[in-house]
N, C-alpha and C. Protein backbone atom coordinates (compact mmCIF):
# COMPACT_ATOMS: atom_id res chain seq x y z
N MET A 1 72.38 -3.33 51.30
CA MET A 1 72.72 -2.36 50.28
C MET A 1 71.52 -2.11 49.40
N ALA A 2 71.26 -0.90 49.00
CA ALA A 2 70.21 -0.62 48.12
C ALA A 2 70.44 0.64 47.31
N ALA A 3 69.82 0.69 46.24
CA ALA A 3 69.91 1.89 45.42
C ALA A 3 69.27 2.98 46.21
N GLU A 4 69.67 4.28 45.93
CA GLU A 4 69.17 5.39 46.65
C GLU A 4 67.68 5.39 46.79
N THR A 5 66.99 5.07 45.74
CA THR A 5 65.52 5.01 45.73
C THR A 5 65.14 3.58 45.56
N ALA A 6 64.34 3.05 46.51
CA ALA A 6 63.97 1.63 46.45
C ALA A 6 63.16 1.38 45.19
N LEU A 7 63.49 0.32 44.50
CA LEU A 7 62.77 -0.08 43.27
C LEU A 7 61.49 -0.92 43.65
N LEU A 8 61.55 -1.57 44.73
CA LEU A 8 60.52 -2.59 45.04
C LEU A 8 59.85 -2.30 46.40
N THR A 9 58.67 -2.73 46.52
CA THR A 9 57.95 -2.68 47.77
C THR A 9 58.31 -3.92 48.67
N ASP A 10 58.12 -3.92 49.92
CA ASP A 10 58.38 -5.15 50.76
C ASP A 10 57.65 -6.34 50.20
N ALA A 11 56.44 -6.22 49.73
CA ALA A 11 55.66 -7.31 49.23
C ALA A 11 56.26 -7.86 47.95
N GLN A 12 56.71 -7.01 47.10
CA GLN A 12 57.45 -7.40 45.88
C GLN A 12 58.73 -8.13 46.17
N ARG A 13 59.51 -7.66 47.15
CA ARG A 13 60.76 -8.32 47.48
C ARG A 13 60.43 -9.71 48.06
N ASP A 14 59.40 -9.81 48.94
CA ASP A 14 59.04 -11.11 49.51
C ASP A 14 58.60 -12.06 48.39
N ALA A 15 57.81 -11.62 47.50
CA ALA A 15 57.36 -12.43 46.36
C ALA A 15 58.56 -12.95 45.52
N LEU A 16 59.52 -12.03 45.16
CA LEU A 16 60.67 -12.42 44.45
C LEU A 16 61.48 -13.44 45.15
N LEU A 17 61.69 -13.22 46.48
CA LEU A 17 62.54 -14.18 47.22
C LEU A 17 61.81 -15.52 47.27
N ALA A 18 60.56 -15.60 47.55
CA ALA A 18 59.80 -16.85 47.55
C ALA A 18 59.97 -17.53 46.13
N LEU A 19 59.78 -16.83 45.04
CA LEU A 19 59.92 -17.31 43.77
C LEU A 19 61.33 -17.95 43.49
N ALA A 20 62.36 -17.21 43.91
CA ALA A 20 63.74 -17.62 43.64
C ALA A 20 63.99 -18.88 44.46
N ARG A 21 63.62 -18.89 45.78
CA ARG A 21 63.81 -19.98 46.67
C ARG A 21 63.11 -21.25 46.21
N GLN A 22 61.89 -21.11 45.70
CA GLN A 22 61.16 -22.30 45.15
C GLN A 22 61.75 -22.76 43.84
N ALA A 23 62.14 -21.87 42.94
CA ALA A 23 62.81 -22.32 41.68
C ALA A 23 64.10 -23.02 41.93
N ALA A 24 64.94 -22.52 42.80
CA ALA A 24 66.20 -23.16 43.10
C ALA A 24 66.00 -24.45 43.73
N ALA A 25 65.04 -24.57 44.67
CA ALA A 25 64.76 -25.82 45.37
C ALA A 25 64.27 -26.90 44.41
N ARG A 26 63.35 -26.51 43.53
CA ARG A 26 62.77 -27.41 42.55
C ARG A 26 63.88 -27.93 41.64
N ALA A 27 64.80 -27.00 41.22
CA ALA A 27 65.91 -27.42 40.34
C ALA A 27 66.86 -28.45 41.14
N ALA A 28 67.10 -28.15 42.40
CA ALA A 28 67.95 -29.01 43.21
C ALA A 28 67.37 -30.39 43.35
N ARG A 29 66.05 -30.46 43.39
CA ARG A 29 65.32 -31.77 43.53
C ARG A 29 65.15 -32.45 42.16
N GLY A 30 65.46 -31.74 41.07
CA GLY A 30 65.23 -32.32 39.76
C GLY A 30 63.82 -32.37 39.28
N GLU A 31 63.04 -31.52 39.93
CA GLU A 31 61.56 -31.49 39.57
C GLU A 31 61.36 -30.72 38.28
N THR A 32 60.33 -30.99 37.50
CA THR A 32 59.96 -30.31 36.31
C THR A 32 59.47 -28.91 36.73
N ASP A 33 59.91 -27.94 35.91
CA ASP A 33 59.57 -26.58 36.26
C ASP A 33 58.75 -26.06 35.11
N ASP A 34 57.54 -25.63 35.43
CA ASP A 34 56.60 -25.09 34.42
C ASP A 34 56.69 -23.59 34.24
N GLY A 35 57.71 -22.99 34.79
CA GLY A 35 57.85 -21.58 34.74
C GLY A 35 57.26 -20.85 36.00
N PRO A 36 57.49 -19.52 36.04
CA PRO A 36 57.13 -18.81 37.24
C PRO A 36 55.62 -18.49 37.39
N GLY A 37 54.87 -18.73 36.38
CA GLY A 37 53.42 -18.32 36.47
C GLY A 37 53.28 -16.85 36.21
N ALA A 38 52.11 -16.33 36.51
CA ALA A 38 51.82 -14.86 36.33
C ALA A 38 52.45 -14.05 37.39
N PRO A 39 53.01 -12.93 37.04
CA PRO A 39 53.68 -12.04 37.97
C PRO A 39 52.64 -11.27 38.81
N PRO A 40 53.01 -11.02 40.09
CA PRO A 40 52.21 -10.13 40.87
C PRO A 40 52.35 -8.68 40.33
N ASP A 41 51.45 -7.80 40.77
CA ASP A 41 51.52 -6.43 40.32
C ASP A 41 52.91 -5.82 40.52
N GLY A 42 53.31 -5.13 39.40
CA GLY A 42 54.61 -4.41 39.44
C GLY A 42 55.77 -5.23 39.05
N LEU A 43 55.64 -6.53 39.01
CA LEU A 43 56.80 -7.38 38.71
C LEU A 43 56.76 -7.83 37.23
N ASP A 44 55.85 -7.27 36.47
CA ASP A 44 55.78 -7.56 35.07
C ASP A 44 56.61 -6.56 34.30
N ARG A 45 57.24 -5.66 34.89
CA ARG A 45 58.08 -4.62 34.20
C ARG A 45 59.41 -5.28 33.88
N LEU A 46 60.04 -4.82 32.84
CA LEU A 46 61.37 -5.30 32.50
C LEU A 46 62.34 -5.03 33.57
N GLY A 47 63.23 -6.00 33.86
CA GLY A 47 64.26 -5.83 34.91
C GLY A 47 65.41 -6.72 34.74
N ALA A 48 66.55 -6.26 35.13
CA ALA A 48 67.79 -6.94 35.20
C ALA A 48 68.01 -7.42 36.69
N ALA A 49 68.55 -8.60 36.86
CA ALA A 49 68.77 -9.08 38.23
C ALA A 49 69.82 -10.18 38.27
N PHE A 50 70.42 -10.37 39.46
CA PHE A 50 71.28 -11.44 39.72
C PHE A 50 70.71 -12.21 40.93
N VAL A 51 70.81 -13.55 40.93
CA VAL A 51 70.43 -14.34 42.03
C VAL A 51 71.69 -15.03 42.55
N THR A 52 71.92 -14.87 43.88
CA THR A 52 73.04 -15.48 44.53
C THR A 52 72.52 -16.58 45.48
N LEU A 53 73.12 -17.72 45.45
CA LEU A 53 72.71 -18.86 46.28
C LEU A 53 73.90 -19.18 47.19
N ARG A 54 73.60 -19.50 48.46
CA ARG A 54 74.61 -20.04 49.39
C ARG A 54 74.05 -21.21 50.09
N VAL A 55 74.90 -22.12 50.40
CA VAL A 55 74.53 -23.29 51.20
C VAL A 55 75.35 -23.29 52.39
N GLY A 56 74.73 -23.22 53.57
CA GLY A 56 75.47 -23.13 54.83
C GLY A 56 76.37 -21.95 54.89
N GLY A 57 76.00 -20.83 54.21
CA GLY A 57 76.79 -19.65 54.21
C GLY A 57 77.90 -19.61 53.11
N ALA A 58 78.18 -20.73 52.46
CA ALA A 58 79.14 -20.73 51.39
C ALA A 58 78.50 -20.48 49.98
N LEU A 59 79.13 -19.66 49.19
CA LEU A 59 78.64 -19.38 47.87
C LEU A 59 78.52 -20.63 47.05
N ARG A 60 77.35 -20.80 46.41
CA ARG A 60 77.14 -22.02 45.59
C ARG A 60 76.61 -21.66 44.23
N GLY A 61 76.39 -20.38 43.94
CA GLY A 61 76.00 -20.08 42.60
C GLY A 61 75.57 -18.64 42.60
N CYS A 62 75.91 -17.90 41.53
CA CYS A 62 75.51 -16.53 41.32
C CYS A 62 75.42 -16.35 39.80
N ILE A 63 74.27 -16.11 39.26
CA ILE A 63 74.06 -15.90 37.88
C ILE A 63 73.03 -14.75 37.72
N GLY A 64 73.21 -13.93 36.71
CA GLY A 64 72.23 -12.94 36.48
C GLY A 64 72.40 -12.33 35.05
N THR A 65 71.63 -11.26 34.80
CA THR A 65 71.66 -10.59 33.59
C THR A 65 71.76 -9.12 33.76
N PHE A 66 72.55 -8.44 32.98
CA PHE A 66 72.78 -7.07 33.09
C PHE A 66 71.76 -6.27 32.32
N GLU A 67 71.07 -7.00 31.44
CA GLU A 67 70.09 -6.34 30.44
C GLU A 67 68.69 -6.61 30.83
N SER A 68 67.83 -5.67 30.68
CA SER A 68 66.43 -5.76 31.11
C SER A 68 65.66 -6.19 29.83
N ARG A 69 65.65 -7.51 29.55
CA ARG A 69 65.00 -8.01 28.36
C ARG A 69 63.63 -8.62 28.59
N ASP A 70 63.48 -9.10 29.85
CA ASP A 70 62.26 -9.83 30.23
C ASP A 70 61.64 -9.23 31.48
N PRO A 71 60.40 -9.54 31.74
CA PRO A 71 59.82 -9.05 33.06
C PRO A 71 60.67 -9.48 34.20
N LEU A 72 60.79 -8.66 35.18
CA LEU A 72 61.65 -9.03 36.37
C LEU A 72 61.21 -10.37 36.98
N TRP A 73 59.92 -10.67 37.04
CA TRP A 73 59.49 -11.91 37.61
C TRP A 73 60.09 -13.09 36.88
N HIS A 74 60.08 -13.05 35.57
CA HIS A 74 60.67 -14.11 34.77
C HIS A 74 62.19 -14.21 34.88
N THR A 75 62.81 -12.95 34.94
CA THR A 75 64.28 -12.92 35.06
C THR A 75 64.76 -13.57 36.36
N VAL A 76 64.05 -13.20 37.52
CA VAL A 76 64.50 -13.80 38.75
C VAL A 76 64.29 -15.32 38.74
N HIS A 77 63.21 -15.80 38.21
CA HIS A 77 62.96 -17.22 38.17
C HIS A 77 64.12 -17.91 37.32
N GLU A 78 64.38 -17.40 36.15
CA GLU A 78 65.37 -17.97 35.26
C GLU A 78 66.79 -17.95 35.93
N MET A 79 67.18 -16.85 36.53
CA MET A 79 68.48 -16.71 37.13
C MET A 79 68.55 -17.65 38.43
N ALA A 80 67.49 -17.86 39.12
CA ALA A 80 67.53 -18.76 40.27
C ALA A 80 67.76 -20.17 39.78
N VAL A 81 67.14 -20.60 38.77
CA VAL A 81 67.33 -21.92 38.19
C VAL A 81 68.77 -22.08 37.67
N ALA A 82 69.23 -21.05 36.98
CA ALA A 82 70.59 -21.04 36.44
C ALA A 82 71.65 -21.13 37.52
N ALA A 83 71.42 -20.29 38.61
CA ALA A 83 72.42 -20.30 39.70
C ALA A 83 72.47 -21.72 40.36
N ALA A 84 71.32 -22.34 40.45
CA ALA A 84 71.24 -23.71 41.09
C ALA A 84 71.85 -24.82 40.21
N THR A 85 71.86 -24.61 38.91
CA THR A 85 72.25 -25.70 38.01
C THR A 85 73.39 -25.38 36.98
N ARG A 86 73.68 -24.13 36.72
CA ARG A 86 74.56 -23.86 35.56
C ARG A 86 75.72 -22.95 35.94
N ASP A 87 75.96 -22.61 37.18
CA ASP A 87 77.14 -21.79 37.53
C ASP A 87 78.36 -22.74 37.39
N PRO A 88 79.23 -22.47 36.39
CA PRO A 88 80.35 -23.36 36.13
C PRO A 88 81.35 -23.47 37.25
N ARG A 89 81.30 -22.60 38.16
CA ARG A 89 82.32 -22.62 39.31
C ARG A 89 81.92 -23.63 40.37
N PHE A 90 80.66 -24.15 40.32
CA PHE A 90 80.18 -24.95 41.45
C PHE A 90 79.47 -26.20 40.94
N PRO A 91 79.39 -27.24 41.77
CA PRO A 91 78.49 -28.37 41.41
C PRO A 91 77.07 -27.99 41.48
N ARG A 92 76.29 -28.58 40.74
CA ARG A 92 74.82 -28.38 40.83
C ARG A 92 74.28 -28.55 42.18
N LEU A 93 73.29 -27.75 42.61
CA LEU A 93 72.67 -27.93 43.94
C LEU A 93 72.03 -29.29 43.99
N GLY A 94 71.98 -29.93 45.12
CA GLY A 94 71.32 -31.13 45.29
C GLY A 94 70.30 -31.08 46.38
N VAL A 95 69.55 -32.18 46.52
CA VAL A 95 68.43 -32.29 47.49
C VAL A 95 68.97 -31.89 48.89
N ALA A 96 70.17 -32.41 49.28
CA ALA A 96 70.70 -32.24 50.59
C ALA A 96 71.03 -30.72 50.86
N ASP A 97 71.12 -29.91 49.81
CA ASP A 97 71.42 -28.51 49.95
C ASP A 97 70.20 -27.61 50.31
N VAL A 98 69.03 -28.06 49.97
CA VAL A 98 67.88 -27.27 50.12
C VAL A 98 67.62 -26.73 51.48
N ASP A 99 67.77 -27.45 52.53
CA ASP A 99 67.43 -27.05 53.85
C ASP A 99 68.38 -25.89 54.29
N ALA A 100 69.62 -25.84 53.80
CA ALA A 100 70.57 -24.84 54.20
C ALA A 100 70.71 -23.70 53.17
N LEU A 101 69.72 -23.60 52.26
CA LEU A 101 69.83 -22.69 51.13
C LEU A 101 69.52 -21.27 51.57
N GLY A 102 70.41 -20.36 51.25
CA GLY A 102 70.24 -18.92 51.41
C GLY A 102 70.13 -18.24 50.02
N VAL A 103 69.22 -17.32 49.92
CA VAL A 103 68.95 -16.62 48.58
C VAL A 103 69.14 -15.15 48.77
N ASP A 104 69.77 -14.53 47.81
CA ASP A 104 69.99 -13.07 47.75
C ASP A 104 69.69 -12.66 46.35
N ILE A 105 68.95 -11.55 46.24
CA ILE A 105 68.62 -11.00 44.89
C ILE A 105 69.18 -9.62 44.76
N SER A 106 69.76 -9.26 43.66
CA SER A 106 70.19 -7.95 43.31
C SER A 106 69.47 -7.47 42.12
N VAL A 107 68.58 -6.49 42.31
CA VAL A 107 67.88 -5.92 41.12
C VAL A 107 68.64 -4.68 40.69
N LEU A 108 69.05 -4.71 39.47
CA LEU A 108 69.96 -3.75 38.95
C LEU A 108 69.21 -2.52 38.39
N ALA A 109 69.67 -1.32 38.79
CA ALA A 109 69.25 -0.07 38.23
C ALA A 109 70.02 0.07 36.86
N PRO A 110 69.54 1.05 36.00
CA PRO A 110 70.21 1.29 34.71
C PRO A 110 71.68 1.70 34.99
N ALA A 111 72.56 1.21 34.10
CA ALA A 111 74.03 1.55 34.16
C ALA A 111 74.26 2.87 33.45
N ARG A 112 75.42 3.40 33.86
CA ARG A 112 75.88 4.62 33.11
C ARG A 112 77.42 4.46 32.94
N ARG A 113 77.88 4.99 31.83
CA ARG A 113 79.32 4.92 31.48
C ARG A 113 80.05 5.85 32.40
N VAL A 114 81.20 5.41 32.86
CA VAL A 114 82.09 6.18 33.77
C VAL A 114 83.17 6.79 32.95
N SER A 115 83.33 8.10 33.04
CA SER A 115 84.41 8.77 32.29
C SER A 115 85.65 8.97 33.24
N ASP A 116 85.40 8.95 34.54
CA ASP A 116 86.50 9.18 35.48
C ASP A 116 86.33 8.21 36.67
N PRO A 117 87.27 7.32 36.87
CA PRO A 117 87.13 6.34 37.95
C PRO A 117 86.83 6.89 39.37
N THR A 118 87.06 8.11 39.57
CA THR A 118 86.73 8.68 40.90
C THR A 118 85.22 8.83 41.10
N GLU A 119 84.43 8.69 40.02
CA GLU A 119 82.99 8.66 40.09
C GLU A 119 82.51 7.39 40.81
N ILE A 120 83.27 6.34 40.83
CA ILE A 120 82.87 5.04 41.37
C ILE A 120 82.92 5.11 42.93
N GLU A 121 81.76 4.80 43.52
CA GLU A 121 81.69 4.74 45.00
C GLU A 121 81.60 3.35 45.54
N ILE A 122 82.58 2.93 46.28
CA ILE A 122 82.55 1.65 46.90
C ILE A 122 81.41 1.53 47.83
N GLY A 123 80.65 0.47 47.73
CA GLY A 123 79.47 0.24 48.59
C GLY A 123 78.20 0.73 47.94
N ARG A 124 78.34 1.51 46.85
CA ARG A 124 77.19 2.06 46.19
C ARG A 124 77.08 1.50 44.80
N HIS A 125 78.25 1.39 44.04
CA HIS A 125 78.21 1.01 42.64
C HIS A 125 78.78 -0.37 42.43
N GLY A 126 78.16 -1.05 41.50
CA GLY A 126 78.72 -2.26 40.89
C GLY A 126 79.42 -1.82 39.61
N LEU A 127 80.21 -2.69 39.07
CA LEU A 127 80.98 -2.40 37.84
C LEU A 127 80.72 -3.37 36.74
N GLU A 128 80.84 -2.87 35.50
CA GLU A 128 80.85 -3.76 34.38
C GLU A 128 82.05 -3.13 33.50
N ILE A 129 82.95 -4.04 33.06
CA ILE A 129 84.02 -3.68 32.18
C ILE A 129 83.74 -4.31 30.85
N ARG A 130 83.85 -3.52 29.78
CA ARG A 130 83.65 -4.00 28.38
C ARG A 130 84.83 -3.68 27.52
N LYS A 131 85.39 -4.68 26.81
CA LYS A 131 86.46 -4.38 25.86
C LYS A 131 86.36 -5.46 24.80
N GLY A 132 86.00 -4.98 23.58
CA GLY A 132 85.82 -5.97 22.51
C GLY A 132 84.66 -6.91 22.83
N LEU A 133 84.88 -8.15 22.71
CA LEU A 133 83.84 -9.15 23.05
C LEU A 133 83.90 -9.56 24.49
N ARG A 134 84.81 -9.01 25.28
CA ARG A 134 84.93 -9.38 26.66
C ARG A 134 84.08 -8.47 27.57
N ARG A 135 83.46 -9.08 28.57
CA ARG A 135 82.65 -8.38 29.56
C ARG A 135 82.84 -9.05 30.85
N GLY A 136 82.92 -8.21 31.90
CA GLY A 136 82.97 -8.76 33.30
C GLY A 136 82.20 -7.79 34.21
N LEU A 137 81.48 -8.36 35.14
CA LEU A 137 80.56 -7.66 35.99
C LEU A 137 80.74 -8.11 37.43
N LEU A 138 80.88 -7.18 38.40
CA LEU A 138 80.85 -7.48 39.77
C LEU A 138 79.81 -6.63 40.47
N LEU A 139 78.99 -7.20 41.30
CA LEU A 139 77.93 -6.49 42.01
C LEU A 139 78.49 -5.59 43.04
N PRO A 140 77.72 -4.60 43.47
CA PRO A 140 78.21 -3.56 44.44
C PRO A 140 78.74 -4.24 45.72
N GLN A 141 78.07 -5.28 46.18
CA GLN A 141 78.43 -5.90 47.48
C GLN A 141 79.78 -6.67 47.44
N VAL A 142 80.28 -6.97 46.24
CA VAL A 142 81.54 -7.68 46.11
C VAL A 142 82.63 -6.85 46.70
N ALA A 143 82.71 -5.54 46.41
CA ALA A 143 83.71 -4.65 46.94
C ALA A 143 83.65 -4.54 48.44
N THR A 144 82.50 -4.41 48.98
CA THR A 144 82.45 -4.25 50.47
C THR A 144 82.69 -5.61 51.15
N ASP A 145 82.14 -6.69 50.54
CA ASP A 145 82.35 -8.00 51.18
C ASP A 145 83.80 -8.47 51.24
N HIS A 146 84.61 -7.93 50.23
CA HIS A 146 85.99 -8.37 50.11
C HIS A 146 86.97 -7.23 50.49
N GLY A 147 86.40 -6.08 51.00
CA GLY A 147 87.30 -4.97 51.39
C GLY A 147 88.13 -4.39 50.27
N LEU A 148 87.55 -4.31 49.10
CA LEU A 148 88.30 -3.75 47.94
C LEU A 148 88.19 -2.26 47.89
N ASP A 149 89.33 -1.65 47.51
CA ASP A 149 89.35 -0.28 47.23
C ASP A 149 88.97 -0.11 45.76
N ARG A 150 88.79 1.16 45.28
CA ARG A 150 88.34 1.47 43.91
C ARG A 150 89.29 0.79 42.84
N GLU A 151 90.51 0.94 42.96
CA GLU A 151 91.44 0.39 41.91
C GLU A 151 91.45 -1.12 41.95
N THR A 152 91.37 -1.72 43.09
CA THR A 152 91.29 -3.17 43.21
C THR A 152 90.01 -3.74 42.64
N PHE A 153 88.91 -3.00 42.91
CA PHE A 153 87.57 -3.36 42.38
C PHE A 153 87.62 -3.30 40.84
N LEU A 154 88.22 -2.28 40.27
CA LEU A 154 88.31 -2.20 38.84
C LEU A 154 89.16 -3.31 38.36
N ALA A 155 90.27 -3.61 39.00
CA ALA A 155 91.23 -4.71 38.53
C ALA A 155 90.51 -6.06 38.52
N GLU A 156 89.75 -6.30 39.62
CA GLU A 156 89.01 -7.61 39.72
C GLU A 156 87.90 -7.66 38.72
N THR A 157 87.34 -6.58 38.36
CA THR A 157 86.25 -6.68 37.28
C THR A 157 86.93 -6.93 35.96
N CYS A 158 88.12 -6.41 35.78
CA CYS A 158 88.88 -6.77 34.49
C CYS A 158 89.16 -8.21 34.50
N ARG A 159 89.68 -8.76 35.62
CA ARG A 159 90.03 -10.12 35.72
C ARG A 159 88.77 -11.03 35.45
N LYS A 160 87.59 -10.62 35.92
CA LYS A 160 86.33 -11.38 35.70
C LYS A 160 86.06 -11.38 34.14
N ALA A 161 86.42 -10.31 33.49
CA ALA A 161 86.25 -10.24 31.98
C ALA A 161 87.33 -10.98 31.22
N GLY A 162 88.32 -11.53 31.95
CA GLY A 162 89.37 -12.24 31.26
C GLY A 162 90.33 -11.26 30.65
N LEU A 163 90.48 -10.11 31.24
CA LEU A 163 91.38 -9.06 30.66
C LEU A 163 92.52 -8.85 31.71
N PRO A 164 93.63 -8.30 31.31
CA PRO A 164 94.62 -7.87 32.22
C PRO A 164 94.07 -6.97 33.26
N THR A 165 94.64 -6.98 34.50
CA THR A 165 93.96 -6.19 35.56
C THR A 165 94.11 -4.62 35.38
N ARG A 166 94.98 -4.25 34.54
CA ARG A 166 95.11 -2.82 34.22
C ARG A 166 94.33 -2.41 33.02
N ALA A 167 93.56 -3.22 32.43
CA ALA A 167 92.90 -2.94 31.16
C ALA A 167 91.86 -1.75 31.32
N TRP A 168 91.35 -1.59 32.59
CA TRP A 168 90.39 -0.47 32.78
C TRP A 168 91.02 0.88 32.43
N ARG A 169 92.30 0.98 32.45
CA ARG A 169 93.04 2.27 32.17
C ARG A 169 93.15 2.52 30.62
N GLU A 170 92.84 1.54 29.81
CA GLU A 170 93.01 1.71 28.39
C GLU A 170 91.84 2.42 27.71
N ALA A 171 92.14 3.19 26.77
CA ALA A 171 91.13 4.07 26.10
C ALA A 171 89.94 3.25 25.47
N ASP A 172 90.30 2.08 24.96
CA ASP A 172 89.30 1.27 24.29
C ASP A 172 88.51 0.34 25.23
N THR A 173 88.69 0.53 26.52
CA THR A 173 87.89 -0.29 27.54
C THR A 173 86.85 0.66 28.10
N GLU A 174 85.63 0.11 28.20
CA GLU A 174 84.56 0.91 28.68
C GLU A 174 84.27 0.49 30.12
N VAL A 175 84.12 1.39 31.05
CA VAL A 175 83.76 1.15 32.41
C VAL A 175 82.40 1.73 32.64
N TRP A 176 81.51 0.80 33.12
CA TRP A 176 80.12 1.23 33.50
C TRP A 176 79.89 0.99 34.91
N CYS A 177 79.11 1.81 35.59
CA CYS A 177 78.72 1.51 36.96
C CYS A 177 77.21 1.55 37.04
N PHE A 178 76.71 0.89 38.14
CA PHE A 178 75.29 0.79 38.33
C PHE A 178 75.03 0.59 39.83
N GLU A 179 73.79 0.85 40.26
CA GLU A 179 73.39 0.58 41.64
C GLU A 179 72.54 -0.68 41.60
N ALA A 180 72.34 -1.24 42.78
CA ALA A 180 71.42 -2.39 42.89
C ALA A 180 70.72 -2.33 44.14
N GLU A 181 69.52 -2.87 44.09
CA GLU A 181 68.68 -3.07 45.32
C GLU A 181 68.94 -4.58 45.71
N VAL A 182 69.62 -4.73 46.85
CA VAL A 182 70.03 -6.11 47.23
C VAL A 182 69.22 -6.49 48.54
N PHE A 183 68.63 -7.67 48.50
CA PHE A 183 67.79 -8.14 49.58
C PHE A 183 67.78 -9.66 49.68
N GLY A 184 67.49 -10.21 50.77
CA GLY A 184 67.41 -11.62 50.96
C GLY A 184 67.94 -12.16 52.24
N ASP A 185 68.27 -13.36 52.23
CA ASP A 185 68.77 -14.09 53.50
C ASP A 185 70.19 -13.76 53.78
N ILE A 186 70.91 -13.31 52.76
CA ILE A 186 72.38 -13.19 52.95
C ILE A 186 72.88 -11.78 52.58
N GLU A 187 72.18 -10.75 52.99
CA GLU A 187 72.51 -9.42 52.63
C GLU A 187 73.91 -9.09 53.17
N ALA A 188 74.65 -8.31 52.31
CA ALA A 188 76.01 -7.95 52.70
C ALA A 188 75.92 -6.93 53.79
């Protein structure tokens, strides 16, 4: 799955995957991490991204940021470490997990607010639901991986935000969609 216009070159994708894999493996081994170092050309621009980790094909961590606050190079490094060590749904990755580790990166394009749910295209858009202090986000590949239709995708994004599944229909709930360039070992 990719945004209509590729955000990255093949070399940049390869560099980000190597960075994420190394950062997650170092975290799993409990090694000291001195940060990602200097970014290659083009990866010093601000970027939002999620890093998904699987061990033997099973999901073991997925953490990211929706906001472009740091250079993409640093964001991917930070999210890989977080996915390996701080996803509350899973135990921390261990040394035994490193050999079977799969890495997937989703680089997010800027989001736009949705005024009509029919604007959402399954397989193209990810969703973020905002209501008050609650926020929930699902990547574009979640809908296709789980065979979700538009309304179920909206409901599951509400659930992720800790909201009732029909909250997306309420006037004070914001629905945002975005595209993502997804690449790695475990592409959907």
